[in-house]
Amino acid sequence: MSSTKKDDIKDNTNQFKESTDRYVDQQKQQIKDTASNVSDTTEKINENVNKFQTDNKRVFEKNADTFRRYQEQINKTTQEISNNTIELQKNVFNTYQSSYAQFWNNIYKSYWENFNIPERYSETYNTLNKNIQNCTINTTNSINEIIVGGVENFNKSLELTQRYYNDIIQNNFNYARKIERSSSV
């Protein structure tokens, strides 16, 4: 009987040893699998971060290009408005100058032809002078209104450009946070 007990103890010890060895082997395999999973997950995270950075860089460059184009377009429009305003002022001045010269020519002829009516000459001169002043004032007011309108449009364009730029930046940050949250989950 003693031999049977020894054999049983030996068998139990062998079974325990085998069970322990299997358990240790399973634990080693789980550690290998976990290390492999961590490595794969790290690699996927790195790929996602690189993709995110590439996407953000592309979006930023696109937005910067768009902003530069808008600035160039605004500068071009402002230059065109300035040039048109100057051209308009030149045309107005030339128109009134030719009218004024013609007026003086007519007065000169009228004066010599109607030497007896100097009072009318004075009245005509005053009327013409008032008309020229009124036209000059009206033209200047019109030009100023055009310029103020152009400046207001320019300022509105800058405000819209700044607002869209800020929205784009905010969207990029929100996208980055979303990616960060999804990566941390």
N, C-alpha and C. Protein backbone atom coordinates (compact mmCIF):
# COMPACT_ATOMS: atom_id res chain seq x y z
N MET A 1 0.77 -1.17 0.00
CA MET A 1 0.00 0.00 0.00
C MET A 1 0.83 1.26 0.00
N SER A 2 1.84 1.16 0.63
CA SER A 2 2.73 2.29 0.69
C SER A 2 3.27 2.60 -0.68
N SER A 3 3.49 1.58 -1.42
CA SER A 3 3.97 1.77 -2.78
C SER A 3 2.89 2.45 -3.62
N THR A 4 1.67 2.17 -3.41
CA THR A 4 0.57 2.77 -4.15
C THR A 4 0.45 4.24 -3.76
N LYS A 5 0.62 4.51 -2.50
CA LYS A 5 0.53 5.90 -2.08
C LYS A 5 1.67 6.69 -2.67
N LYS A 6 2.83 6.09 -2.69
CA LYS A 6 3.98 6.78 -3.26
C LYS A 6 3.76 7.01 -4.75
N ASP A 7 3.21 5.98 -5.38
CA ASP A 7 2.93 6.13 -6.81
C ASP A 7 1.88 7.21 -7.04
N ASP A 8 0.88 7.24 -6.16
CA ASP A 8 -0.17 8.26 -6.29
C ASP A 8 0.41 9.65 -6.07
N ILE A 9 1.26 9.75 -5.10
CA ILE A 9 1.90 11.04 -4.82
C ILE A 9 2.76 11.43 -6.00
N LYS A 10 3.47 10.45 -6.53
CA LYS A 10 4.33 10.70 -7.67
C LYS A 10 3.49 11.12 -8.88
N ASP A 11 2.39 10.42 -9.08
CA ASP A 11 1.49 10.76 -10.20
C ASP A 11 0.90 12.16 -10.00
N ASN A 12 0.49 12.40 -8.76
CA ASN A 12 -0.07 13.73 -8.48
C ASN A 12 0.98 14.82 -8.69
N THR A 13 2.19 14.51 -8.26
CA THR A 13 3.27 15.49 -8.43
C THR A 13 3.54 15.71 -9.91
N ASN A 14 3.56 14.62 -10.67
CA ASN A 14 3.79 14.72 -12.12
C ASN A 14 2.65 15.49 -12.79
N GLN A 15 1.44 15.20 -12.39
CA GLN A 15 0.29 15.90 -12.96
C GLN A 15 0.36 17.38 -12.60
N PHE A 16 0.71 17.64 -11.34
CA PHE A 16 0.83 19.03 -10.92
C PHE A 16 1.92 19.75 -11.70
N LYS A 17 3.02 19.06 -11.90
CA LYS A 17 4.13 19.63 -12.66
C LYS A 17 3.72 19.88 -14.10
N GLU A 18 3.04 18.92 -14.70
CA GLU A 18 2.58 19.07 -16.08
C GLU A 18 1.56 20.20 -16.18
N SER A 19 0.68 20.25 -15.21
CA SER A 19 -0.33 21.32 -15.18
C SER A 19 0.34 22.67 -15.03
N THR A 20 1.32 22.74 -14.16
CA THR A 20 2.06 23.99 -13.95
C THR A 20 2.82 24.36 -15.21
N ASP A 21 3.45 23.39 -15.83
CA ASP A 21 4.19 23.66 -17.07
C ASP A 21 3.25 24.17 -18.17
N ARG A 22 2.08 23.52 -18.29
CA ARG A 22 1.10 23.98 -19.28
C ARG A 22 0.65 25.40 -18.97
N TYR A 23 0.40 25.66 -17.68
CA TYR A 23 -0.03 27.00 -17.28
C TYR A 23 1.05 28.04 -17.60
N VAL A 24 2.31 27.69 -17.31
CA VAL A 24 3.42 28.60 -17.61
C VAL A 24 3.53 28.81 -19.12
N ASP A 25 3.38 27.74 -19.89
CA ASP A 25 3.42 27.86 -21.36
C ASP A 25 2.29 28.75 -21.87
N GLN A 26 1.10 28.57 -21.29
CA GLN A 26 -0.04 29.41 -21.69
C GLN A 26 0.23 30.88 -21.35
N GLN A 27 0.80 31.10 -20.18
CA GLN A 27 1.11 32.48 -19.77
C GLN A 27 2.15 33.10 -20.69
N LYS A 28 3.15 32.31 -21.07
CA LYS A 28 4.17 32.80 -22.00
C LYS A 28 3.53 33.15 -23.34
N GLN A 29 2.62 32.28 -23.81
CA GLN A 29 1.94 32.53 -25.09
C GLN A 29 1.08 33.79 -25.00
N GLN A 30 0.40 33.97 -23.87
CA GLN A 30 -0.42 35.17 -23.70
C GLN A 30 0.45 36.43 -23.67
N ILE A 31 1.61 36.32 -23.04
CA ILE A 31 2.53 37.47 -23.00
C ILE A 31 3.01 37.80 -24.42
N LYS A 32 3.34 36.76 -25.20
CA LYS A 32 3.76 36.97 -26.59
C LYS A 32 2.64 37.62 -27.39
N ASP A 33 1.41 37.10 -27.24
CA ASP A 33 0.26 37.65 -27.97
C ASP A 33 0.01 39.10 -27.57
N THR A 34 0.09 39.38 -26.27
CA THR A 34 -0.12 40.74 -25.78
C THR A 34 0.96 41.67 -26.33
N ALA A 35 2.20 41.23 -26.32
CA ALA A 35 3.29 42.06 -26.85
C ALA A 35 3.07 42.31 -28.34
N SER A 36 2.63 41.29 -29.05
CA SER A 36 2.36 41.44 -30.48
C SER A 36 1.21 42.42 -30.71
N ASN A 37 0.15 42.30 -29.89
CA ASN A 37 -0.99 43.22 -30.01
C ASN A 37 -0.59 44.65 -29.68
N VAL A 38 0.23 44.82 -28.65
CA VAL A 38 0.71 46.17 -28.30
C VAL A 38 1.54 46.74 -29.44
N SER A 39 2.37 45.92 -30.02
CA SER A 39 3.19 46.37 -31.14
C SER A 39 2.32 46.75 -32.33
N ASP A 40 1.33 45.91 -32.64
CA ASP A 40 0.42 46.22 -33.76
C ASP A 40 -0.37 47.50 -33.48
N THR A 41 -0.85 47.63 -32.26
CA THR A 41 -1.63 48.82 -31.89
C THR A 41 -0.76 50.07 -31.98
N THR A 42 0.46 49.98 -31.49
CA THR A 42 1.38 51.12 -31.57
C THR A 42 1.65 51.49 -33.02
N GLU A 43 1.83 50.49 -33.84
CA GLU A 43 2.08 50.74 -35.27
C GLU A 43 0.87 51.42 -35.91
N LYS A 44 -0.34 50.95 -35.58
CA LYS A 44 -1.56 51.56 -36.13
C LYS A 44 -1.71 53.00 -35.65
N ILE A 45 -1.42 53.23 -34.38
CA ILE A 45 -1.50 54.60 -33.84
C ILE A 45 -0.51 55.50 -34.57
N ASN A 46 0.71 55.01 -34.77
CA ASN A 46 1.71 55.81 -35.50
C ASN A 46 1.26 56.11 -36.92
N GLU A 47 0.67 55.11 -37.57
CA GLU A 47 0.16 55.32 -38.93
C GLU A 47 -0.95 56.37 -38.93
N ASN A 48 -1.87 56.27 -37.95
CA ASN A 48 -2.97 57.24 -37.87
C ASN A 48 -2.45 58.65 -37.58
N VAL A 49 -1.48 58.74 -36.68
CA VAL A 49 -0.90 60.06 -36.36
C VAL A 49 -0.21 60.64 -37.60
N ASN A 50 0.54 59.83 -38.31
CA ASN A 50 1.22 60.31 -39.52
C ASN A 50 0.20 60.74 -40.58
N LYS A 51 -0.86 59.95 -40.73
CA LYS A 51 -1.90 60.31 -41.70
C LYS A 51 -2.58 61.62 -41.28
N PHE A 52 -2.88 61.73 -39.98
CA PHE A 52 -3.51 62.95 -39.47
C PHE A 52 -2.61 64.16 -39.71
N GLN A 53 -1.32 64.03 -39.44
CA GLN A 53 -0.40 65.14 -39.66
C GLN A 53 -0.31 65.49 -41.14
N THR A 54 -0.30 64.49 -41.99
CA THR A 54 -0.25 64.75 -43.43
C THR A 54 -1.52 65.46 -43.89
N ASP A 55 -2.67 64.97 -43.40
CA ASP A 55 -3.95 65.61 -43.76
C ASP A 55 -3.99 67.05 -43.26
N ASN A 56 -3.58 67.26 -42.02
CA ASN A 56 -3.57 68.62 -41.47
C ASN A 56 -2.64 69.54 -42.25
N LYS A 57 -1.49 69.02 -42.62
CA LYS A 57 -0.54 69.84 -43.39
C LYS A 57 -1.15 70.21 -44.73
N ARG A 58 -1.79 69.26 -45.39
CA ARG A 58 -2.42 69.52 -46.68
C ARG A 58 -3.54 70.55 -46.54
N VAL A 59 -4.38 70.39 -45.50
CA VAL A 59 -5.47 71.34 -45.26
C VAL A 59 -4.91 72.73 -44.96
N PHE A 60 -3.88 72.78 -44.13
CA PHE A 60 -3.28 74.07 -43.79
C PHE A 60 -2.70 74.75 -45.02
N GLU A 61 -1.97 73.98 -45.85
CA GLU A 61 -1.39 74.56 -47.06
C GLU A 61 -2.49 75.04 -48.01
N LYS A 62 -3.56 74.26 -48.11
CA LYS A 62 -4.68 74.66 -48.97
C LYS A 62 -5.30 75.95 -48.45
N ASN A 63 -5.51 76.02 -47.14
CA ASN A 63 -6.10 77.22 -46.54
C ASN A 63 -5.17 78.42 -46.69
N ALA A 64 -3.88 78.20 -46.52
CA ALA A 64 -2.92 79.30 -46.68
C ALA A 64 -2.93 79.79 -48.12
N ASP A 65 -2.98 78.86 -49.08
CA ASP A 65 -3.04 79.27 -50.49
C ASP A 65 -4.31 80.04 -50.78
N THR A 66 -5.43 79.55 -50.25
CA THR A 66 -6.71 80.24 -50.46
C THR A 66 -6.65 81.63 -49.86
N PHE A 67 -6.11 81.74 -48.65
CA PHE A 67 -6.00 83.04 -48.00
C PHE A 67 -5.12 83.98 -48.81
N ARG A 68 -3.99 83.47 -49.33
CA ARG A 68 -3.11 84.31 -50.16
C ARG A 68 -3.83 84.77 -51.42
N ARG A 69 -4.59 83.87 -52.04
CA ARG A 69 -5.35 84.25 -53.25
C ARG A 69 -6.36 85.34 -52.93
N TYR A 70 -7.05 85.19 -51.79
CA TYR A 70 -8.02 86.22 -51.41
C TYR A 70 -7.31 87.56 -51.16
N GLN A 71 -6.17 87.52 -50.52
CA GLN A 71 -5.43 88.76 -50.27
C GLN A 71 -5.01 89.39 -51.59
N GLU A 72 -4.51 88.57 -52.51
CA GLU A 72 -4.12 89.12 -53.81
C GLU A 72 -5.32 89.70 -54.54
N GLN A 73 -6.45 89.00 -54.48
CA GLN A 73 -7.66 89.49 -55.15
C GLN A 73 -8.12 90.80 -54.50
N ILE A 74 -8.06 90.89 -53.19
CA ILE A 74 -8.46 92.13 -52.50
C ILE A 74 -7.51 93.26 -52.88
N ASN A 75 -6.22 92.98 -52.91
CA ASN A 75 -5.25 94.01 -53.30
C ASN A 75 -5.49 94.47 -54.73
N LYS A 76 -5.75 93.53 -55.61
CA LYS A 76 -6.00 93.86 -57.01
C LYS A 76 -7.26 94.71 -57.14
N THR A 77 -8.32 94.30 -56.43
CA THR A 77 -9.58 95.05 -56.47
C THR A 77 -9.40 96.45 -55.92
N THR A 78 -8.67 96.56 -54.82
CA THR A 78 -8.41 97.88 -54.23
C THR A 78 -7.63 98.76 -55.20
N GLN A 79 -6.65 98.18 -55.85
CA GLN A 79 -5.85 98.94 -56.83
C GLN A 79 -6.74 99.39 -57.99
N GLU A 80 -7.61 98.50 -58.46
CA GLU A 80 -8.51 98.86 -59.56
C GLU A 80 -9.46 99.97 -59.15
N ILE A 81 -9.99 99.90 -57.92
CA ILE A 81 -10.89 100.95 -57.43
C ILE A 81 -10.14 102.28 -57.38
N SER A 82 -8.92 102.25 -56.86
CA SER A 82 -8.12 103.48 -56.78
C SER A 82 -7.86 104.04 -58.17
N ASN A 83 -7.46 103.18 -59.09
CA ASN A 83 -7.17 103.63 -60.46
C ASN A 83 -8.44 104.19 -61.13
N ASN A 84 -9.56 103.50 -60.93
CA ASN A 84 -10.81 103.98 -61.52
C ASN A 84 -11.23 105.32 -60.92
N THR A 85 -11.03 105.49 -59.62
CA THR A 85 -11.37 106.75 -58.96
C THR A 85 -10.52 107.89 -59.51
N ILE A 86 -9.24 107.64 -59.66
CA ILE A 86 -8.34 108.67 -60.20
C ILE A 86 -8.74 108.99 -61.64
N GLU A 87 -9.03 107.97 -62.42
CA GLU A 87 -9.44 108.18 -63.81
C GLU A 87 -10.74 108.98 -63.87
N LEU A 88 -11.67 108.65 -62.98
CA LEU A 88 -12.94 109.38 -62.92
C LEU A 88 -12.70 110.85 -62.59
N GLN A 89 -11.84 111.10 -61.63
CA GLN A 89 -11.53 112.49 -61.26
C GLN A 89 -10.88 113.23 -62.44
N LYS A 90 -10.00 112.57 -63.14
CA LYS A 90 -9.38 113.20 -64.32
C LYS A 90 -10.44 113.54 -65.37
N ASN A 91 -11.35 112.58 -65.62
CA ASN A 91 -12.40 112.81 -66.62
C ASN A 91 -13.31 113.95 -66.21
N VAL A 92 -13.68 113.99 -64.93
CA VAL A 92 -14.53 115.08 -64.44
C VAL A 92 -13.82 116.41 -64.60
N PHE A 93 -12.56 116.46 -64.22
CA PHE A 93 -11.80 117.69 -64.33
C PHE A 93 -11.69 118.13 -65.79
N ASN A 94 -11.37 117.19 -66.69
CA ASN A 94 -11.26 117.52 -68.11
C ASN A 94 -12.59 118.00 -68.68
N THR A 95 -13.68 117.36 -68.26
CA THR A 95 -15.01 117.77 -68.74
C THR A 95 -15.32 119.20 -68.31
N TYR A 96 -15.11 119.48 -67.03
CA TYR A 96 -15.40 120.83 -66.55
C TYR A 96 -14.41 121.86 -67.10
N GLN A 97 -13.19 121.45 -67.31
CA GLN A 97 -12.20 122.39 -67.87
C GLN A 97 -12.60 122.79 -69.28
N SER A 98 -13.02 121.81 -70.10
CA SER A 98 -13.42 122.15 -71.46
C SER A 98 -14.70 122.98 -71.46
N SER A 99 -15.63 122.65 -70.56
CA SER A 99 -16.86 123.45 -70.45
C SER A 99 -16.54 124.87 -70.00
N TYR A 100 -15.65 124.98 -69.07
CA TYR A 100 -15.27 126.29 -68.54
C TYR A 100 -14.58 127.13 -69.62
N ALA A 101 -13.69 126.49 -70.39
CA ALA A 101 -13.01 127.22 -71.48
C ALA A 101 -14.03 127.67 -72.52
N GLN A 102 -14.96 126.78 -72.84
CA GLN A 102 -15.99 127.14 -73.81
C GLN A 102 -16.85 128.29 -73.27
N PHE A 103 -17.16 128.23 -71.98
CA PHE A 103 -17.93 129.29 -71.36
C PHE A 103 -17.21 130.63 -71.49
N TRP A 104 -15.92 130.64 -71.18
CA TRP A 104 -15.16 131.91 -71.28
C TRP A 104 -15.12 132.41 -72.71
N ASN A 105 -15.02 131.49 -73.63
CA ASN A 105 -15.01 131.87 -75.05
C ASN A 105 -16.36 132.49 -75.42
N ASN A 106 -17.44 131.88 -74.98
CA ASN A 106 -18.78 132.41 -75.26
C ASN A 106 -18.98 133.77 -74.60
N ILE A 107 -18.50 133.90 -73.39
CA ILE A 107 -18.63 135.18 -72.69
C ILE A 107 -17.85 136.27 -73.43
N TYR A 108 -16.67 135.92 -73.85
CA TYR A 108 -15.84 136.89 -74.55
C TYR A 108 -16.54 137.38 -75.82
N LYS A 109 -17.05 136.40 -76.58
CA LYS A 109 -17.77 136.77 -77.80
C LYS A 109 -19.02 137.57 -77.47
N SER A 110 -19.74 137.12 -76.47
CA SER A 110 -20.97 137.80 -76.08
C SER A 110 -20.68 139.21 -75.60
N TYR A 111 -19.63 139.34 -74.86
CA TYR A 111 -19.27 140.67 -74.34
C TYR A 111 -18.99 141.64 -75.48
N TRP A 112 -18.22 141.19 -76.42
CA TRP A 112 -17.88 142.10 -77.51
C TRP A 112 -19.06 142.33 -78.44
N GLU A 113 -19.90 141.30 -78.57
CA GLU A 113 -21.06 141.47 -79.42
C GLU A 113 -22.14 142.30 -78.72
N ASN A 114 -22.23 142.16 -77.42
CA ASN A 114 -23.24 142.89 -76.64
C ASN A 114 -22.54 143.78 -75.61
N PHE A 115 -21.81 144.71 -76.09
CA PHE A 115 -21.00 145.57 -75.25
C PHE A 115 -21.86 146.36 -74.27
N ASN A 116 -23.11 146.54 -74.58
CA ASN A 116 -23.97 147.39 -73.77
C ASN A 116 -24.58 146.67 -72.56
N ILE A 117 -24.34 145.38 -72.36
CA ILE A 117 -25.00 144.68 -71.26
C ILE A 117 -23.98 144.02 -70.31
N PRO A 118 -23.17 144.78 -69.63
CA PRO A 118 -22.21 144.19 -68.68
C PRO A 118 -22.88 143.54 -67.46
N GLU A 119 -24.11 144.02 -67.12
CA GLU A 119 -24.80 143.41 -65.98
C GLU A 119 -25.12 141.94 -66.26
N ARG A 120 -25.53 141.66 -67.46
CA ARG A 120 -25.84 140.27 -67.82
C ARG A 120 -24.58 139.40 -67.78
N TYR A 121 -23.51 140.00 -68.16
CA TYR A 121 -22.23 139.28 -68.10
C TYR A 121 -21.94 138.86 -66.67
N SER A 122 -22.14 139.78 -65.75
CA SER A 122 -21.89 139.51 -64.35
C SER A 122 -22.85 138.45 -63.83
N GLU A 123 -24.11 138.53 -64.16
CA GLU A 123 -25.09 137.54 -63.73
C GLU A 123 -24.78 136.16 -64.32
N THR A 124 -24.46 136.15 -65.59
CA THR A 124 -24.13 134.88 -66.25
C THR A 124 -22.89 134.26 -65.62
N TYR A 125 -21.91 135.09 -65.35
CA TYR A 125 -20.68 134.60 -64.71
C TYR A 125 -21.00 134.00 -63.35
N ASN A 126 -21.80 134.72 -62.55
CA ASN A 126 -22.15 134.21 -61.21
C ASN A 126 -22.94 132.90 -61.30
N THR A 127 -23.89 132.86 -62.23
CA THR A 127 -24.69 131.64 -62.40
C THR A 127 -23.80 130.48 -62.82
N LEU A 128 -22.95 130.74 -63.80
CA LEU A 128 -22.06 129.67 -64.27
C LEU A 128 -21.10 129.24 -63.17
N ASN A 129 -20.61 130.18 -62.43
CA ASN A 129 -19.68 129.87 -61.35
C ASN A 129 -20.39 129.01 -60.29
N LYS A 130 -21.64 129.36 -59.95
CA LYS A 130 -22.41 128.55 -58.99
C LYS A 130 -22.65 127.15 -59.54
N ASN A 131 -22.98 127.08 -60.83
CA ASN A 131 -23.20 125.76 -61.45
C ASN A 131 -21.94 124.91 -61.40
N ILE A 132 -20.82 125.52 -61.70
CA ILE A 132 -19.53 124.78 -61.65
C ILE A 132 -19.24 124.33 -60.23
N GLN A 133 -19.47 125.20 -59.26
CA GLN A 133 -19.23 124.83 -57.87
C GLN A 133 -20.16 123.68 -57.45
N ASN A 134 -21.44 123.81 -57.82
CA ASN A 134 -22.39 122.74 -57.47
C ASN A 134 -22.01 121.41 -58.12
N CYS A 135 -21.65 121.48 -59.39
CA CYS A 135 -21.24 120.25 -60.09
C CYS A 135 -19.99 119.64 -59.47
N THR A 136 -19.04 120.50 -59.11
CA THR A 136 -17.81 120.02 -58.48
C THR A 136 -18.13 119.37 -57.13
N ILE A 137 -18.98 120.01 -56.35
CA ILE A 137 -19.36 119.45 -55.05
C ILE A 137 -20.09 118.12 -55.24
N ASN A 138 -21.05 118.09 -56.16
CA ASN A 138 -21.81 116.85 -56.41
C ASN A 138 -20.89 115.74 -56.89
N THR A 139 -19.97 116.07 -57.78
CA THR A 139 -19.04 115.06 -58.30
C THR A 139 -18.12 114.56 -57.18
N THR A 140 -17.63 115.48 -56.37
CA THR A 140 -16.76 115.08 -55.25
C THR A 140 -17.53 114.19 -54.28
N ASN A 141 -18.78 114.55 -53.99
CA ASN A 141 -19.59 113.71 -53.10
C ASN A 141 -19.81 112.32 -53.70
N SER A 142 -20.09 112.27 -54.99
CA SER A 142 -20.29 110.97 -55.65
C SER A 142 -19.02 110.13 -55.59
N ILE A 143 -17.89 110.77 -55.87
CA ILE A 143 -16.60 110.04 -55.82
C ILE A 143 -16.34 109.55 -54.40
N ASN A 144 -16.60 110.40 -53.41
CA ASN A 144 -16.39 110.00 -52.02
C ASN A 144 -17.30 108.83 -51.64
N GLU A 145 -18.56 108.86 -52.11
CA GLU A 145 -19.47 107.75 -51.83
C GLU A 145 -18.96 106.46 -52.46
N ILE A 146 -18.43 106.56 -53.67
CA ILE A 146 -17.88 105.37 -54.35
C ILE A 146 -16.70 104.83 -53.56
N ILE A 147 -15.82 105.72 -53.13
CA ILE A 147 -14.62 105.30 -52.39
C ILE A 147 -15.02 104.69 -51.05
N VAL A 148 -15.94 105.35 -50.32
CA VAL A 148 -16.37 104.82 -49.02
C VAL A 148 -17.02 103.46 -49.21
N GLY A 149 -17.84 103.31 -50.25
CA GLY A 149 -18.45 102.00 -50.53
C GLY A 149 -17.39 100.95 -50.81
N GLY A 150 -16.38 101.32 -51.58
CA GLY A 150 -15.31 100.37 -51.88
C GLY A 150 -14.54 99.98 -50.63
N VAL A 151 -14.27 100.95 -49.78
CA VAL A 151 -13.55 100.67 -48.53
C VAL A 151 -14.41 99.78 -47.63
N GLU A 152 -15.72 100.08 -47.57
CA GLU A 152 -16.60 99.23 -46.75
C GLU A 152 -16.63 97.80 -47.29
N ASN A 153 -16.71 97.66 -48.60
CA ASN A 153 -16.68 96.31 -49.20
C ASN A 153 -15.36 95.62 -48.90
N PHE A 154 -14.29 96.37 -48.97
CA PHE A 154 -12.97 95.82 -48.68
C PHE A 154 -12.91 95.35 -47.23
N ASN A 155 -13.40 96.18 -46.30
CA ASN A 155 -13.40 95.80 -44.89
C ASN A 155 -14.27 94.58 -44.65
N LYS A 156 -15.44 94.51 -45.30
CA LYS A 156 -16.30 93.34 -45.15
C LYS A 156 -15.61 92.10 -45.70
N SER A 157 -14.90 92.26 -46.83
CA SER A 157 -14.17 91.12 -47.40
C SER A 157 -13.11 90.63 -46.42
N LEU A 158 -12.39 91.57 -45.78
CA LEU A 158 -11.38 91.18 -44.81
C LEU A 158 -12.02 90.48 -43.61
N GLU A 159 -13.16 91.00 -43.14
CA GLU A 159 -13.84 90.36 -42.01
C GLU A 159 -14.27 88.95 -42.37
N LEU A 160 -14.86 88.78 -43.56
CA LEU A 160 -15.29 87.44 -43.98
C LEU A 160 -14.10 86.50 -44.12
N THR A 161 -13.03 87.01 -44.71
CA THR A 161 -11.83 86.18 -44.88
C THR A 161 -11.30 85.75 -43.52
N GLN A 162 -11.25 86.69 -42.56
CA GLN A 162 -10.76 86.35 -41.22
C GLN A 162 -11.68 85.34 -40.54
N ARG A 163 -12.99 85.54 -40.70
CA ARG A 163 -13.96 84.63 -40.08
C ARG A 163 -13.79 83.22 -40.66
N TYR A 164 -13.71 83.12 -42.02
CA TYR A 164 -13.55 81.80 -42.63
C TYR A 164 -12.22 81.16 -42.24
N TYR A 165 -11.19 81.97 -42.13
CA TYR A 165 -9.89 81.45 -41.73
C TYR A 165 -9.98 80.89 -40.30
N ASN A 166 -10.61 81.67 -39.40
CA ASN A 166 -10.76 81.20 -38.01
C ASN A 166 -11.61 79.93 -37.96
N ASP A 167 -12.67 79.86 -38.75
CA ASP A 167 -13.51 78.65 -38.79
C ASP A 167 -12.70 77.45 -39.25
N ILE A 168 -11.87 77.63 -40.25
CA ILE A 168 -11.05 76.54 -40.78
C ILE A 168 -10.08 76.06 -39.71
N ILE A 169 -9.43 76.98 -39.02
CA ILE A 169 -8.49 76.62 -37.96
C ILE A 169 -9.23 75.88 -36.84
N GLN A 170 -10.42 76.39 -36.46
CA GLN A 170 -11.20 75.74 -35.40
C GLN A 170 -11.60 74.33 -35.82
N ASN A 171 -12.01 74.17 -37.08
CA ASN A 171 -12.37 72.84 -37.58
C ASN A 171 -11.18 71.89 -37.54
N ASN A 172 -9.99 72.40 -37.87
CA ASN A 172 -8.79 71.57 -37.81
C ASN A 172 -8.51 71.11 -36.38
N PHE A 173 -8.64 72.05 -35.41
CA PHE A 173 -8.43 71.68 -34.02
C PHE A 173 -9.49 70.67 -33.55
N ASN A 174 -10.74 70.88 -33.93
CA ASN A 174 -11.79 69.94 -33.55
C ASN A 174 -11.52 68.56 -34.13
N TYR A 175 -11.08 68.52 -35.38
CA TYR A 175 -10.74 67.26 -36.02
C TYR A 175 -9.59 66.58 -35.27
N ALA A 176 -8.59 67.36 -34.87
CA ALA A 176 -7.45 66.81 -34.14
C ALA A 176 -7.92 66.24 -32.80
N ARG A 177 -8.78 66.95 -32.11
CA ARG A 177 -9.29 66.45 -30.84
C ARG A 177 -10.09 65.17 -31.04
N LYS A 178 -10.88 65.14 -32.09
CA LYS A 178 -11.68 63.95 -32.38
C LYS A 178 -10.77 62.75 -32.63
N ILE A 179 -9.73 62.94 -33.42
CA ILE A 179 -8.77 61.87 -33.70
C ILE A 179 -8.07 61.46 -32.40
N GLU A 180 -7.73 62.46 -31.59
CA GLU A 180 -7.05 62.16 -30.33
C GLU A 180 -7.95 61.34 -29.41
N ARG A 181 -9.23 61.72 -29.34
CA ARG A 181 -10.17 60.97 -28.51
C ARG A 181 -10.36 59.55 -29.03
N SER A 182 -10.47 59.40 -30.35
CA SER A 182 -10.68 58.08 -30.91
C SER A 182 -9.42 57.23 -30.75
N SER A 183 -8.25 57.84 -30.75
CA SER A 183 -7.01 57.08 -30.56
C SER A 183 -6.86 56.65 -29.11
N SER A 184 -7.33 57.46 -28.18
CA SER A 184 -7.16 57.13 -26.77
C SER A 184 -8.18 56.11 -26.30
N VAL A 185 -9.23 55.90 -27.09
CA VAL A 185 -10.26 54.92 -26.71
C VAL A 185 -9.84 53.56 -27.02
